[in-house]
C-alpha atoms as a PDB file:
ATOM      1  CA  MET A   1      46.659  23.374  -6.852  1.00  0.00           C
ATOM      2  CA  PRO A   2      46.640  24.267  -2.629  1.00  0.00           C
ATOM      3  CA  ARG A   3      43.327  26.274  -3.817  1.00  0.00           C
ATOM      4  CA  CYS A   4      42.198  23.001  -5.184  1.00  0.00           C
ATOM      5  CA  ARG A   5      42.419  20.988  -1.808  1.00  0.00           C
ATOM      6  CA  TRP A   6      41.120  24.038   0.053  1.00  0.00           C
ATOM      7  CA  LEU A   7      37.911  23.776  -1.762  1.00  0.00           C
ATOM      8  CA  SER A   8      37.376  20.045  -2.270  1.00  0.00           C
ATOM      9  CA  LEU A   9      38.152  19.839   1.812  1.00  0.00           C
ATOM     10  CA  ILE A  10      35.320  23.045   2.576  1.00  0.00           C
ATOM     11  CA  LEU A  11      33.038  20.579   0.087  1.00  0.00           C
ATOM     12  CA  LEU A  12      33.450  17.616   1.723  1.00  0.00           C
ATOM     13  CA  THR A  13      32.938  18.763   5.572  1.00  0.00           C
ATOM     14  CA  ILE A  14      29.627  20.437   4.603  1.00  0.00           C
ATOM     15  CA  PRO A  15      27.674  17.402   4.634  1.00  0.00           C
ATOM     16  CA  LEU A  16      29.344  15.936   7.246  1.00  0.00           C
ATOM     17  CA  ALA A  17      28.317  19.069   9.458  1.00  0.00           C
ATOM     18  CA  LEU A  18      24.514  18.843   7.891  1.00  0.00           C
ATOM     19  CA  VAL A  19      24.310  15.283   9.029  1.00  0.00           C
ATOM     20  CA  ALA A  20      25.907  16.492  12.439  1.00  0.00           C
ATOM     21  CA  ARG A  21      23.177  18.709  13.146  1.00  0.00           C
ATOM     22  CA  LYS A  22      20.519  16.282  12.503  1.00  0.00           C
ATOM     23  CA  ASP A  23      18.389  16.036  15.393  1.00  0.00           C
ATOM     24  CA  PRO A  24      17.486  12.406  15.139  1.00  0.00           C
ATOM     25  CA  LYS A  25      13.564  13.080  16.406  1.00  0.00           C
ATOM     26  CA  LYS A  26      12.676  15.372  13.355  1.00  0.00           C
ATOM     27  CA  ASN A  27      13.734  12.401  11.170  1.00  0.00           C
ATOM     28  CA  GLU A  28      10.386  10.652  11.509  1.00  0.00           C
ATOM     29  CA  THR A  29       8.152  11.090   8.524  1.00  0.00           C
ATOM     30  CA  GLY A  30       5.295  13.238   9.334  1.00  0.00           C
ATOM     31  CA  VAL A  31       1.792  13.005   8.395  1.00  0.00           C
ATOM     32  CA  LEU A  32       1.758  15.854   5.528  1.00  0.00           C
ATOM     33  CA  ARG A  33      -1.883  15.372   4.983  1.00  0.00           C
ATOM     34  CA  LYS A  34      -4.444  13.729   6.997  1.00  0.00           C
ATOM     35  CA  LEU A  35      -6.761  10.701   6.057  1.00  0.00           C
ATOM     36  CA  LYS A  36      -9.524  12.345   3.682  1.00  0.00           C
ATOM     37  CA  PRO A  37     -12.306   9.897   1.466  1.00  0.00           C
ATOM     38  CA  VAL A  38     -11.646   9.428  -1.513  1.00  0.00           C
ATOM     39  CA  ASN A  39     -13.414   8.095  -4.068  1.00  0.00           C
ATOM     40  CA  ALA A  40     -13.929   4.092  -4.595  1.00  0.00           C
ATOM     41  CA  SER A  41     -13.426   4.791  -8.598  1.00  0.00           C
ATOM     42  CA  ASN A  42     -10.061   6.174  -8.080  1.00  0.00           C
ATOM     43  CA  ALA A  43      -7.475   4.426 -10.217  1.00  0.00           C
ATOM     44  CA  ASN A  44      -5.058   4.427  -7.582  1.00  0.00           C
ATOM     45  CA  VAL A  45      -7.409   2.979  -4.919  1.00  0.00           C
ATOM     46  CA  LYS A  46      -8.368   0.482  -7.379  1.00  0.00           C
ATOM     47  CA  GLN A  47      -4.604  -0.375  -8.202  1.00  0.00           C
ATOM     48  CA  CYS A  48      -3.897  -0.371  -3.718  1.00  0.00           C
ATOM     49  CA  LEU A  49      -6.689  -2.600  -3.745  1.00  0.00           C
ATOM     50  CA  TRP A  50      -6.227  -5.105  -6.345  1.00  0.00           C
ATOM     51  CA  PHE A  51      -2.468  -5.030  -4.729  1.00  0.00           C
ATOM     52  CA  ALA A  52      -4.004  -5.467  -0.771  1.00  0.00           C
ATOM     53  CA  MET A  53      -6.058  -8.449  -2.469  1.00  0.00           C
ATOM     54  CA  GLN A  54      -3.603 -10.182  -3.903  1.00  0.00           C
ATOM     55  CA  GLU A  55      -1.416 -10.120  -0.673  1.00  0.00           C
ATOM     56  CA  TYR A  56      -4.591 -11.258   1.013  1.00  0.00           C
ATOM     57  CA  ASN A  57      -5.011 -14.071  -0.559  1.00  0.00           C
ATOM     58  CA  LYS A  58      -0.981 -14.959  -0.912  1.00  0.00           C
ATOM     59  CA  GLU A  59      -1.519 -15.256   2.655  1.00  0.00           C
ATOM     60  CA  SER A  60      -4.693 -16.157   3.571  1.00  0.00           C
ATOM     61  CA  GLU A  61      -4.428 -20.212   4.469  1.00  0.00           C
ATOM     62  CA  ASP A  62      -8.131 -20.858   2.502  1.00  0.00           C
ATOM     63  CA  LYS A  63      -8.233 -22.910  -0.175  1.00  0.00           C
ATOM     64  CA  TYR A  64     -10.621 -20.663  -2.138  1.00  0.00           C
ATOM     65  CA  VAL A  65      -9.659 -17.190  -3.584  1.00  0.00           C
ATOM     66  CA  PHE A  66     -11.518 -14.231  -1.827  1.00  0.00           C
ATOM     67  CA  LEU A  67     -13.038 -11.507  -4.015  1.00  0.00           C
ATOM     68  CA  VAL A  68     -14.171  -7.985  -3.018  1.00  0.00           C
ATOM     69  CA  VAL A  69     -17.926  -7.504  -2.759  1.00  0.00           C
ATOM     70  CA  LYS A  70     -18.774  -4.146  -1.820  1.00  0.00           C
ATOM     71  CA  THR A  71     -15.929  -1.452  -1.257  1.00  0.00           C
ATOM     72  CA  LEU A  72     -17.508   0.237   2.313  1.00  0.00           C
ATOM     73  CA  GLN A  73     -15.032   3.830   1.905  1.00  0.00           C
ATOM     74  CA  ALA A  74     -11.350   4.699   0.686  1.00  0.00           C
ATOM     75  CA  GLN A  75      -9.260   7.384   2.650  1.00  0.00           C
ATOM     76  CA  LEU A  76      -5.918   8.905   1.406  1.00  0.00           C
ATOM     77  CA  GLN A  77      -3.413  10.331   3.702  1.00  0.00           C
ATOM     78  CA  VAL A  78      -0.412  11.705   2.354  1.00  0.00           C
ATOM     79  CA  THR A  79       3.057  11.565   4.052  1.00  0.00           C
ATOM     80  CA  ASN A  80       6.201  10.116   2.514  1.00  0.00           C
ATOM     81  CA  LEU A  81       3.956   7.683   0.511  1.00  0.00           C
ATOM     82  CA  LEU A  82       0.377   8.217  -0.273  1.00  0.00           C
ATOM     83  CA  GLU A  83      -1.180   5.809   2.270  1.00  0.00           C
ATOM     84  CA  TYR A  84      -4.698   4.568   1.187  1.00  0.00           C
ATOM     85  CA  LEU A  85      -6.713   3.222   4.037  1.00  0.00           C
ATOM     86  CA  ILE A  86      -9.587   1.486   2.385  1.00  0.00           C
ATOM     87  CA  ASP A  87     -12.726  -0.561   3.600  1.00  0.00           C
ATOM     88  CA  VAL A  88     -13.982  -3.501   1.791  1.00  0.00           C
ATOM     89  CA  GLU A  89     -16.320  -6.628   2.540  1.00  0.00           C
ATOM     90  CA  ILE A  90     -14.399  -9.596   0.520  1.00  0.00           C
ATOM     91  CA  ALA A  91     -16.135 -13.079  -0.168  1.00  0.00           C
ATOM     92  CA  ARG A  92     -15.122 -16.407  -0.696  1.00  0.00           C
ATOM     93  CA  SER A  93     -15.147 -17.636  -4.150  1.00  0.00           C
ATOM     94  CA  ASP A  94     -15.859 -20.521  -5.804  1.00  0.00           C
ATOM     95  CA  CYS A  95     -12.187 -20.524  -7.230  1.00  0.00           C
ATOM     96  CA  ARG A  96      -9.314 -22.398  -5.532  1.00  0.00           C
ATOM     97  CA  LYS A  97      -6.265 -21.652  -5.111  1.00  0.00           C
ATOM     98  CA  PRO A  98      -3.378 -21.186  -7.439  1.00  0.00           C
ATOM     99  CA  LEU A  99      -5.554 -18.969  -9.599  1.00  0.00           C
ATOM    100  CA  SER A 100      -5.156 -19.206 -13.152  1.00  0.00           C
ATOM    101  CA  THR A 101      -4.382 -16.206 -15.195  1.00  0.00           C
ATOM    102  CA  ASN A 102      -7.716 -17.394 -17.498  1.00  0.00           C
ATOM    103  CA  GLU A 103     -10.053 -18.119 -14.250  1.00  0.00           C
ATOM    104  CA  ILE A 104     -13.834 -16.234 -13.821  1.00  0.00           C
ATOM    105  CA  CYS A 105     -14.434 -16.459 -10.184  1.00  0.00           C
ATOM    106  CA  ALA A 106     -17.754 -15.874  -8.647  1.00  0.00           C
ATOM    107  CA  ILE A 107     -18.937 -15.446  -5.368  1.00  0.00           C
ATOM    108  CA  GLN A 108     -19.651 -18.587  -3.415  1.00  0.00           C
ATOM    109  CA  GLU A 109     -23.218 -19.687  -3.426  1.00  0.00           C
ATOM    110  CA  ASN A 110     -22.958 -23.388  -1.501  1.00  0.00           C
ATOM    111  CA  SER A 111     -23.740 -22.516   1.947  1.00  0.00           C
ATOM    112  CA  LYS A 112     -21.389 -24.969   3.482  1.00  0.00           C
ATOM    113  CA  LEU A 113     -18.295 -22.875   1.862  1.00  0.00           C
ATOM    114  CA  LYS A 114     -19.910 -19.253   1.979  1.00  0.00           C
ATOM    115  CA  ARG A 115     -18.209 -16.692   3.862  1.00  0.00           C
ATOM    116  CA  LYS A 116     -18.318 -12.616   4.249  1.00  0.00           C
ATOM    117  CA  LEU A 117     -15.511 -10.697   5.900  1.00  0.00           C
ATOM    118  CA  SER A 118     -15.263  -6.996   6.601  1.00  0.00           C
ATOM    119  CA  CYS A 119     -11.542  -5.822   6.116  1.00  0.00           C
ATOM    120  CA  SER A 120      -9.363  -2.497   6.035  1.00  0.00           C
ATOM    121  CA  PHE A 121      -6.524  -2.536   4.114  1.00  0.00           C
ATOM    122  CA  LEU A 122      -3.754   0.461   4.623  1.00  0.00           C
ATOM    123  CA  VAL A 123      -1.697   0.503   1.607  1.00  0.00           C
ATOM    124  CA  GLY A 124       1.517   2.491   1.340  1.00  0.00           C
ATOM    125  CA  ALA A 125       1.525   3.243  -2.520  1.00  0.00           C
ATOM    126  CA  LEU A 126       4.096   5.327  -4.768  1.00  0.00           C
ATOM    127  CA  PRO A 127       2.136   4.425  -7.928  1.00  0.00           C
ATOM    128  CA  TRP A 128       3.941   6.118 -10.145  1.00  0.00           C
ATOM    129  CA  ASN A 129       6.731   3.678  -9.435  1.00  0.00           C
ATOM    130  CA  GLY A 130       4.659   0.722  -9.246  1.00  0.00           C
ATOM    131  CA  GLU A 131       5.207   0.106  -5.023  1.00  0.00           C
ATOM    132  CA  PHE A 132       2.966  -0.966  -3.047  1.00  0.00           C
ATOM    133  CA  THR A 133       3.239  -1.925   0.530  1.00  0.00           C
ATOM    134  CA  VAL A 134       0.184  -3.286   2.877  1.00  0.00           C
END
């Protein structure tokens, strides 16, 4: 019995010793692979762009939904997440918020309502878990 207690005490102190040795400066998430171009038709890029546009339209005070007109470039950086930097051109659509699921939207053609923007989205992703952050 005393031997089991001794062993359990040793096992309990090992994690404490490891935590005590941890350098807080080294606890930062480093870049494992710097930004490199990726194909805009990549499934993860499309998924990240869809998420970014959902968030953009949710936060935008515009009465209309914005759509992606063109993906200018996409880059990937690996940290503790897959980080996609996606540059796009977006434009106001003819669909008002809130968007219903069966609505088909087109880019706004009315010259008074027409609006185009260039945006860069940095999306952190764990696509295999369905986790995304902008």
